[in-house]
Structure formats: structure tokens, C-alpha cells
C-alpha atoms as a PDB file:
ATOM      1  CA  MET A   1       6.708  -4.721  31.439  1.00  0.00           C
ATOM      2  CA  GLU A   2       5.288  -0.947  30.175  1.00  0.00           C
ATOM      3  CA  ILE A   3       1.814  -0.616  28.535  1.00  0.00           C
ATOM      4  CA  ASN A   4       3.793   1.757  25.712  1.00  0.00           C
ATOM      5  CA  ILE A   5       5.806  -1.572  25.061  1.00  0.00           C
ATOM      6  CA  ILE A   6       3.075  -3.561  24.350  1.00  0.00           C
ATOM      7  CA  ILE A   7       1.308  -1.497  23.125  1.00  0.00           C
ATOM      8  CA  ALA A   8       4.255  -1.104  20.398  1.00  0.00           C
ATOM      9  CA  TYR A   9       5.142  -4.857  19.889  1.00  0.00           C
ATOM     10  CA  PHE A  10       1.038  -4.946  19.506  1.00  0.00           C
ATOM     11  CA  LEU A  11       1.293  -2.355  16.019  1.00  0.00           C
ATOM     12  CA  MET A  12       4.301  -3.807  14.593  1.00  0.00           C
ATOM     13  CA  SER A  13       3.690  -7.349  14.913  1.00  0.00           C
ATOM     14  CA  THR A  14       0.480  -5.999  13.536  1.00  0.00           C
ATOM     15  CA  GLY A  15       2.209  -4.092  10.575  1.00  0.00           C
ATOM     16  CA  ALA A  16       4.249  -8.134   9.853  1.00  0.00           C
ATOM     17  CA  ILE A  17       0.681  -9.821   9.496  1.00  0.00           C
ATOM     18  CA  PHE A  18      -0.374  -6.910   7.176  1.00  0.00           C
ATOM     19  CA  ALA A  19       2.687  -7.856   5.284  1.00  0.00           C
ATOM     20  CA  VAL A  20       2.336 -11.238   5.008  1.00  0.00           C
ATOM     21  CA  ILE A  21      -0.679 -10.657   3.773  1.00  0.00           C
ATOM     22  CA  THR A  22       0.428  -8.431   1.434  1.00  0.00           C
ATOM     23  CA  VAL A  23       2.478 -11.367   0.188  1.00  0.00           C
ATOM     24  CA  LEU A  24      -0.072 -13.724  -0.330  1.00  0.00           C
ATOM     25  CA  GLY A  25      -2.185 -11.182  -2.651  1.00  0.00           C
ATOM     26  CA  LEU A  26       0.782 -10.658  -4.456  1.00  0.00           C
ATOM     27  CA  LEU A  27       1.142 -14.516  -4.882  1.00  0.00           C
ATOM     28  CA  ARG A  28      -2.547 -15.212  -5.482  1.00  0.00           C
ATOM     29  CA  PHE A  29      -4.330 -12.320  -7.160  1.00  0.00           C
ATOM     30  CA  PRO A  30      -4.171 -13.219 -10.908  1.00  0.00           C
ATOM     31  CA  ASP A  31      -3.217  -9.921 -12.467  1.00  0.00           C
ATOM     32  CA  VAL A  32      -1.368  -7.071 -12.596  1.00  0.00           C
ATOM     33  CA  TYR A  33      -3.450  -4.511 -11.775  1.00  0.00           C
ATOM     34  CA  THR A  34      -4.923  -6.552  -8.300  1.00  0.00           C
ATOM     35  CA  ARG A  35      -1.950  -7.435  -7.293  1.00  0.00           C
ATOM     36  CA  ILE A  36      -1.142  -3.320  -7.638  1.00  0.00           C
ATOM     37  CA  HIS A  37      -4.576  -3.127  -5.113  1.00  0.00           C
ATOM     38  CA  ALA A  38      -3.226  -5.314  -2.771  1.00  0.00           C
ATOM     39  CA  GLY A  39       0.278  -3.814  -2.535  1.00  0.00           C
ATOM     40  CA  ALA A  40      -1.195  -0.549  -2.448  1.00  0.00           C
ATOM     41  CA  VAL A  41      -3.811  -1.272   0.267  1.00  0.00           C
ATOM     42  CA  VAL A  42      -2.289  -3.205   2.782  1.00  0.00           C
ATOM     43  CA  LEU A  43       0.983  -2.872   2.166  1.00  0.00           C
ATOM     44  CA  THR A  44       0.318   1.145   2.967  1.00  0.00           C
ATOM     45  CA  ILE A  45      -1.309  -0.132   6.018  1.00  0.00           C
ATOM     46  CA  SER A  46       0.951  -2.241   6.720  1.00  0.00           C
ATOM     47  CA  ALA A  47       4.256   0.060   6.861  1.00  0.00           C
ATOM     48  CA  VAL A  48       1.921   2.777   8.617  1.00  0.00           C
ATOM     49  CA  LEU A  49       1.211   0.294  11.889  1.00  0.00           C
ATOM     50  CA  VAL A  50       4.987  -0.134  12.206  1.00  0.00           C
ATOM     51  CA  THR A  51       5.995   2.963  11.957  1.00  0.00           C
ATOM     52  CA  LEU A  52       3.425   4.214  14.915  1.00  0.00           C
ATOM     53  CA  GLY A  53       4.743   1.225  16.323  1.00  0.00           C
ATOM     54  CA  THR A  54       8.219   2.404  16.320  1.00  0.00           C
ATOM     55  CA  ALA A  55       7.214   6.012  17.227  1.00  0.00           C
ATOM     56  CA  ILE A  56       5.423   4.541  20.963  1.00  0.00           C
ATOM     57  CA  TYR A  57       8.566   2.308  21.448  1.00  0.00           C
ATOM     58  CA  VAL A  58      11.212   5.224  20.913  1.00  0.00           C
ATOM     59  CA  TRP A  59       8.902   7.022  23.092  1.00  0.00           C
ATOM     60  CA  GLU A  60      11.199  10.464  22.343  1.00  0.00           C
ATOM     61  CA  PHE A  61       9.590  13.443  21.258  1.00  0.00           C
ATOM     62  CA  PHE A  62      11.920  14.349  18.663  1.00  0.00           C
ATOM     63  CA  LEU A  63      12.392  11.125  16.868  1.00  0.00           C
ATOM     64  CA  SER A  64       9.242  10.011  17.345  1.00  0.00           C
ATOM     65  CA  MET A  65       7.502  12.846  14.876  1.00  0.00           C
ATOM     66  CA  LYS A  66      10.679  12.253  12.803  1.00  0.00           C
ATOM     67  CA  VAL A  67       9.050   8.363  12.187  1.00  0.00           C
ATOM     68  CA  LEU A  68       5.241  10.166  12.353  1.00  0.00           C
ATOM     69  CA  LEU A  69       6.350  11.504   8.997  1.00  0.00           C
ATOM     70  CA  ILE A  70       7.810   8.550   7.591  1.00  0.00           C
ATOM     71  CA  GLY A  71       4.652   7.013   7.800  1.00  0.00           C
ATOM     72  CA  ALA A  72       2.787  10.070   6.898  1.00  0.00           C
ATOM     73  CA  PHE A  73       4.960  10.094   3.919  1.00  0.00           C
ATOM     74  CA  PHE A  74       4.006   6.573   3.880  1.00  0.00           C
ATOM     75  CA  LEU A  75       0.726   7.094   4.024  1.00  0.00           C
ATOM     76  CA  PHE A  76       0.123   9.880   1.521  1.00  0.00           C
ATOM     77  CA  SER A  77       2.841   8.735  -1.832  1.00  0.00           C
ATOM     78  CA  ASN A  78       2.511   4.949  -2.103  1.00  0.00           C
ATOM     79  CA  PRO A  79      -1.842   5.019  -3.172  1.00  0.00           C
ATOM     80  CA  MET A  80      -0.068   7.988  -5.199  1.00  0.00           C
ATOM     81  CA  ALA A  81       2.977   5.460  -6.626  1.00  0.00           C
ATOM     82  CA  THR A  82       0.686   2.659  -7.181  1.00  0.00           C
ATOM     83  CA  HIS A  83      -1.936   4.712  -9.452  1.00  0.00           C
ATOM     84  CA  ALA A  84       0.795   5.999 -11.052  1.00  0.00           C
ATOM     85  CA  ILE A  85       1.840   2.956 -11.830  1.00  0.00           C
ATOM     86  CA  ALA A  86      -1.521   1.325 -12.939  1.00  0.00           C
ATOM     87  CA  ARG A  87      -2.687   4.432 -15.204  1.00  0.00           C
ATOM     88  CA  ALA A  88       1.105   4.036 -16.695  1.00  0.00           C
ATOM     89  CA  SER A  89       1.274   0.186 -17.238  1.00  0.00           C
ATOM     90  CA  TYR A  90      -2.769   0.572 -18.875  1.00  0.00           C
ATOM     91  CA  SER A  91      -2.312   3.943 -21.322  1.00  0.00           C
ATOM     92  CA  ARG A  92       0.921   2.012 -22.605  1.00  0.00           C
ATOM     93  CA  LYS A  93      -1.158  -1.321 -22.315  1.00  0.00           C
ATOM     94  CA  ILE A  94       1.075  -3.770 -20.590  1.00  0.00           C
ATOM     95  CA  ALA A  95      -0.704  -6.732 -19.246  1.00  0.00           C
ATOM     96  CA  LEU A  96      -4.390  -6.061 -20.293  1.00  0.00           C
ATOM     97  CA  PRO A  97      -6.634  -8.870 -19.878  1.00  0.00           C
ATOM     98  CA  LYS A  98      -7.888 -10.433 -23.142  1.00  0.00           C
ATOM     99  CA  GLU A  99     -11.746  -9.041 -22.919  1.00  0.00           C
ATOM    100  CA  TYR A 100     -13.079  -6.555 -20.573  1.00  0.00           C
ATOM    101  CA  GLU A 101     -16.296  -6.545 -19.186  1.00  0.00           C
ATOM    102  CA  ILE A 102     -16.810  -3.173 -18.489  1.00  0.00           C
ATOM    103  CA  ASP A 103     -14.273  -0.497 -19.112  1.00  0.00           C
ATOM    104  CA  GLU A 104     -15.003   3.006 -18.959  1.00  0.00           C
ATOM    105  CA  TYR A 105     -11.275   3.999 -18.073  1.00  0.00           C
ATOM    106  CA  SER A 106     -10.566   4.389 -22.154  1.00  0.00           C
ATOM    107  CA  SER A 107     -13.294   6.833 -22.846  1.00  0.00           C
ATOM    108  CA  TYR A 108     -11.933   8.804 -19.499  1.00  0.00           C
ATOM    109  CA  LEU A 109      -8.427   8.701 -21.330  1.00  0.00           C
ATOM    110  CA  GLY A 110     -10.258   9.521 -24.925  1.00  0.00           C
ATOM    111  CA  ARG A 111      -9.680   6.978 -26.637  1.00  0.00           C
ATOM    112  CA  ASP A 112     -12.307   4.650 -27.543  1.00  0.00           C
ATOM    113  CA  LYS A 113     -11.743   0.354 -26.843  1.00  0.00           C
ATOM    114  CA  LYS A 114     -10.424  -0.827 -30.335  1.00  0.00           C
END
């Protein structure tokens, strides 16, 4: 077996393991914001690893570049989309905890804690 196939399988299986960790985080974390965090961080790494493994597996220049561009799109768009979802849910007061220990985000948005 060639070394690039072994590396590709390793990267794709590592990405699959990170995807399983994402699912466990989504099931185990208590509130919406920590679940969003699990979905953003770990799933982004998972998608990048799988696309990197796919690019190595294909091993054609133009097709690999297309797959790497998809991975770069995941790398930049997933955290921004997750931040937008979290900010919108905070602004609309969706699934807010009953009490905050420290809430500095409301002063950043220009409203006081009620």
C-alpha cells in the first residue's frame, strides 16, 4: 500500500473520530451555547481533516485543490456561522440560562442586565 493512501486513511479516520466526539458533545453538554461550541470547534476540525485526507487520497492536482478549497471554506465559514447563530439566539433571548455568573456581553451590546 502506498504511503499517501495510508496518510489519507489516517486523516479521514481521525476526522471521523472528531465527528463522533462532536456528537457526544452535542448530547452531553447542558445548554445551547456549549453545544454550539462543540459543534463549531470539533466539527470544523473534523471537516478539515476529512477534506485533507480526501485531497491526499485523490492525488490529482486540480481535484485536490478543489477539495482543499472546500476545506478552507469549512475552516472560515463554520466559526462565523456559529458565532452568528449564537449572537442571534442571545439577542432574541432564546434558551438563556436562568442566572448568569458574569454577563459582560449585554453591556457590549448596549443594554443592561434586567
